[in-house]
């Protein structure tokens, strides 16, 4: 039995999806001040005032800093999330709403 079959049999998500969810959760916590980071220079919000997306849209500024690779890896995914998800009132609500989003399409 291969990896995809075992995941389906056990009702689990792939490692890529779980990693992506953890990264998105970290991004949510940073943006909503649930997790304190003193140097937020790497997190840049889009300055486009007319967007059809949510107000927390991130600007993907490329850098060679390995410490911030998580933000660059999830920037496009974060920007594509619905308003309802990124505006969740709590971490628990964010997790529940994120479970309803199909993240498999973002995994290679």
C-alpha atoms as a PDB file:
ATOM      1  CA  UNK A   1       0.000   0.000   0.000  1.00  0.00           C
ATOM      2  CA  UNK A   2       1.472   3.353  -1.062  1.00  0.00           C
ATOM      3  CA  UNK A   3       1.608   6.608   0.861  1.00  0.00           C
ATOM      4  CA  UNK A   4      -1.559   8.145  -0.687  1.00  0.00           C
ATOM      5  CA  UNK A   5      -3.524   4.967  -0.020  1.00  0.00           C
ATOM      6  CA  UNK A   6      -2.354   4.797   3.604  1.00  0.00           C
ATOM      7  CA  UNK A   7      -3.336   8.446   4.143  1.00  0.00           C
ATOM      8  CA  UNK A   8      -6.771   7.825   2.651  1.00  0.00           C
ATOM      9  CA  UNK A   9      -7.237   4.648   4.684  1.00  0.00           C
ATOM     10  CA  UNK A  10      -6.303   6.421   7.933  1.00  0.00           C
ATOM     11  CA  UNK A  11      -8.165   9.624   7.058  1.00  0.00           C
ATOM     12  CA  UNK A  12      -5.035  11.773   7.328  1.00  0.00           C
ATOM     13  CA  UNK A  13      -3.720  14.708   5.333  1.00  0.00           C
ATOM     14  CA  UNK A  14      -0.377  14.618   3.570  1.00  0.00           C
ATOM     15  CA  UNK A  15       2.730  16.021   5.195  1.00  0.00           C
ATOM     16  CA  UNK A  16       2.765  18.896   2.671  1.00  0.00           C
ATOM     17  CA  UNK A  17      -0.784  19.940   3.585  1.00  0.00           C
ATOM     18  CA  UNK A  18      -0.054  19.702   7.315  1.00  0.00           C
ATOM     19  CA  UNK A  19       3.110  21.781   6.899  1.00  0.00           C
ATOM     20  CA  UNK A  20       1.221  24.369   4.869  1.00  0.00           C
ATOM     21  CA  UNK A  21      -1.511  24.593   7.528  1.00  0.00           C
ATOM     22  CA  UNK A  22       1.103  25.098  10.251  1.00  0.00           C
ATOM     23  CA  UNK A  23       2.780  27.851   8.218  1.00  0.00           C
ATOM     24  CA  UNK A  24      -0.564  29.569   7.580  1.00  0.00           C
ATOM     25  CA  UNK A  25      -1.409  29.323  11.270  1.00  0.00           C
ATOM     26  CA  UNK A  26       1.905  30.979  12.151  1.00  0.00           C
ATOM     27  CA  UNK A  27       1.188  33.737   9.630  1.00  0.00           C
ATOM     28  CA  UNK A  28      -2.284  34.266  11.146  1.00  0.00           C
ATOM     29  CA  UNK A  29      -0.798  34.482  14.648  1.00  0.00           C
ATOM     30  CA  UNK A  30       1.839  37.012  13.559  1.00  0.00           C
ATOM     31  CA  UNK A  31      -0.624  39.228  11.685  1.00  0.00           C
ATOM     32  CA  UNK A  32      -3.225  39.171  14.461  1.00  0.00           C
ATOM     33  CA  UNK A  33      -0.629  39.742  17.217  1.00  0.00           C
ATOM     34  CA  UNK A  34      -1.125  36.327  18.827  1.00  0.00           C
ATOM     35  CA  UNK A  35       2.577  35.594  18.431  1.00  0.00           C
ATOM     36  CA  UNK A  36       5.141  38.288  19.187  1.00  0.00           C
ATOM     37  CA  UNK A  37       7.983  38.863  16.743  1.00  0.00           C
ATOM     38  CA  UNK A  38      10.096  41.938  17.341  1.00  0.00           C
ATOM     39  CA  UNK A  39      11.449  42.302  13.803  1.00  0.00           C
ATOM     40  CA  UNK A  40       8.558  42.446  11.340  1.00  0.00           C
ATOM     41  CA  UNK A  41      10.567  43.897   8.454  1.00  0.00           C
ATOM     42  CA  UNK A  42      10.100  40.679   6.491  1.00  0.00           C
ATOM     43  CA  UNK A  43       6.291  40.860   6.671  1.00  0.00           C
ATOM     44  CA  UNK A  44       5.124  43.493   4.193  1.00  0.00           C
ATOM     45  CA  UNK A  45       1.483  44.135   3.422  1.00  0.00           C
ATOM     46  CA  UNK A  46       0.448  44.986  -0.110  1.00  0.00           C
ATOM     47  CA  UNK A  47      -0.047  48.720  -0.538  1.00  0.00           C
ATOM     48  CA  UNK A  48      -2.659  48.315  -3.263  1.00  0.00           C
ATOM     49  CA  UNK A  49      -5.740  50.092  -1.919  1.00  0.00           C
ATOM     50  CA  UNK A  50      -8.080  48.544  -4.459  1.00  0.00           C
ATOM     51  CA  UNK A  51      -8.094  44.797  -4.035  1.00  0.00           C
ATOM     52  CA  UNK A  52     -10.697  42.135  -4.428  1.00  0.00           C
ATOM     53  CA  UNK A  53      -8.861  40.126  -1.827  1.00  0.00           C
ATOM     54  CA  UNK A  54      -8.695  40.522   1.927  1.00  0.00           C
ATOM     55  CA  UNK A  55      -7.085  43.445   3.736  1.00  0.00           C
ATOM     56  CA  UNK A  56      -4.180  41.310   5.007  1.00  0.00           C
ATOM     57  CA  UNK A  57      -2.752  40.654   1.544  1.00  0.00           C
ATOM     58  CA  UNK A  58       1.001  40.166   1.737  1.00  0.00           C
ATOM     59  CA  UNK A  59       3.606  41.482  -0.654  1.00  0.00           C
ATOM     60  CA  UNK A  60       6.032  38.761  -1.688  1.00  0.00           C
ATOM     61  CA  UNK A  61       9.394  40.477  -1.313  1.00  0.00           C
ATOM     62  CA  UNK A  62      12.150  38.061  -2.297  1.00  0.00           C
ATOM     63  CA  UNK A  63      15.102  37.662  -0.018  1.00  0.00           C
ATOM     64  CA  UNK A  64      17.929  35.260   0.644  1.00  0.00           C
ATOM     65  CA  UNK A  65      17.167  35.126   4.369  1.00  0.00           C
ATOM     66  CA  UNK A  66      16.533  31.515   5.324  1.00  0.00           C
ATOM     67  CA  UNK A  67      14.751  32.527   8.527  1.00  0.00           C
ATOM     68  CA  UNK A  68      11.844  33.991   6.579  1.00  0.00           C
ATOM     69  CA  UNK A  69      11.381  31.257   3.992  1.00  0.00           C
ATOM     70  CA  UNK A  70       8.069  30.269   5.594  1.00  0.00           C
ATOM     71  CA  UNK A  71       6.504  33.619   4.672  1.00  0.00           C
ATOM     72  CA  UNK A  72       7.720  33.440   1.063  1.00  0.00           C
ATOM     73  CA  UNK A  73       6.548  29.856   0.742  1.00  0.00           C
ATOM     74  CA  UNK A  74       2.989  30.665   1.826  1.00  0.00           C
ATOM     75  CA  UNK A  75       2.559  34.214   0.549  1.00  0.00           C
ATOM     76  CA  UNK A  76       0.533  33.266  -2.534  1.00  0.00           C
ATOM     77  CA  UNK A  77      -1.565  30.777  -0.571  1.00  0.00           C
ATOM     78  CA  UNK A  78      -2.261  33.329   2.173  1.00  0.00           C
ATOM     79  CA  UNK A  79      -3.295  35.944  -0.384  1.00  0.00           C
ATOM     80  CA  UNK A  80      -5.728  33.513  -1.998  1.00  0.00           C
ATOM     81  CA  UNK A  81      -7.543  32.656   1.243  1.00  0.00           C
ATOM     82  CA  UNK A  82     -11.106  34.005   1.586  1.00  0.00           C
ATOM     83  CA  UNK A  83     -11.851  37.022   3.799  1.00  0.00           C
ATOM     84  CA  UNK A  84     -13.801  34.856   6.193  1.00  0.00           C
ATOM     85  CA  UNK A  85     -10.734  32.737   6.952  1.00  0.00           C
ATOM     86  CA  UNK A  86      -8.128  35.479   7.440  1.00  0.00           C
ATOM     87  CA  UNK A  87     -10.557  37.593   9.491  1.00  0.00           C
ATOM     88  CA  UNK A  88     -11.316  34.723  11.877  1.00  0.00           C
ATOM     89  CA  UNK A  89     -11.882  36.013  15.422  1.00  0.00           C
ATOM     90  CA  UNK A  90      -9.649  33.408  17.087  1.00  0.00           C
ATOM     91  CA  UNK A  91      -6.958  30.849  16.392  1.00  0.00           C
ATOM     92  CA  UNK A  92      -9.458  28.025  16.896  1.00  0.00           C
ATOM     93  CA  UNK A  93     -11.888  29.582  14.433  1.00  0.00           C
ATOM     94  CA  UNK A  94      -9.046  30.068  11.931  1.00  0.00           C
ATOM     95  CA  UNK A  95      -8.116  26.379  12.190  1.00  0.00           C
ATOM     96  CA  UNK A  96     -11.720  25.277  11.668  1.00  0.00           C
ATOM     97  CA  UNK A  97     -12.196  27.578   8.676  1.00  0.00           C
ATOM     98  CA  UNK A  98      -8.836  26.572   7.205  1.00  0.00           C
ATOM     99  CA  UNK A  99      -9.908  22.915   7.327  1.00  0.00           C
ATOM    100  CA  UNK A 100     -12.676  23.801   4.855  1.00  0.00           C
ATOM    101  CA  UNK A 101     -10.214  25.219   2.293  1.00  0.00           C
ATOM    102  CA  UNK A 102      -8.756  22.829  -0.292  1.00  0.00           C
ATOM    103  CA  UNK A 103      -5.016  23.255   0.172  1.00  0.00           C
ATOM    104  CA  UNK A 104      -3.997  20.190  -1.844  1.00  0.00           C
ATOM    105  CA  UNK A 105      -3.855  22.283  -5.022  1.00  0.00           C
ATOM    106  CA  UNK A 106      -0.996  24.324  -3.505  1.00  0.00           C
ATOM    107  CA  UNK A 107       1.137  21.274  -2.735  1.00  0.00           C
ATOM    108  CA  UNK A 108       3.522  19.899  -5.330  1.00  0.00           C
END
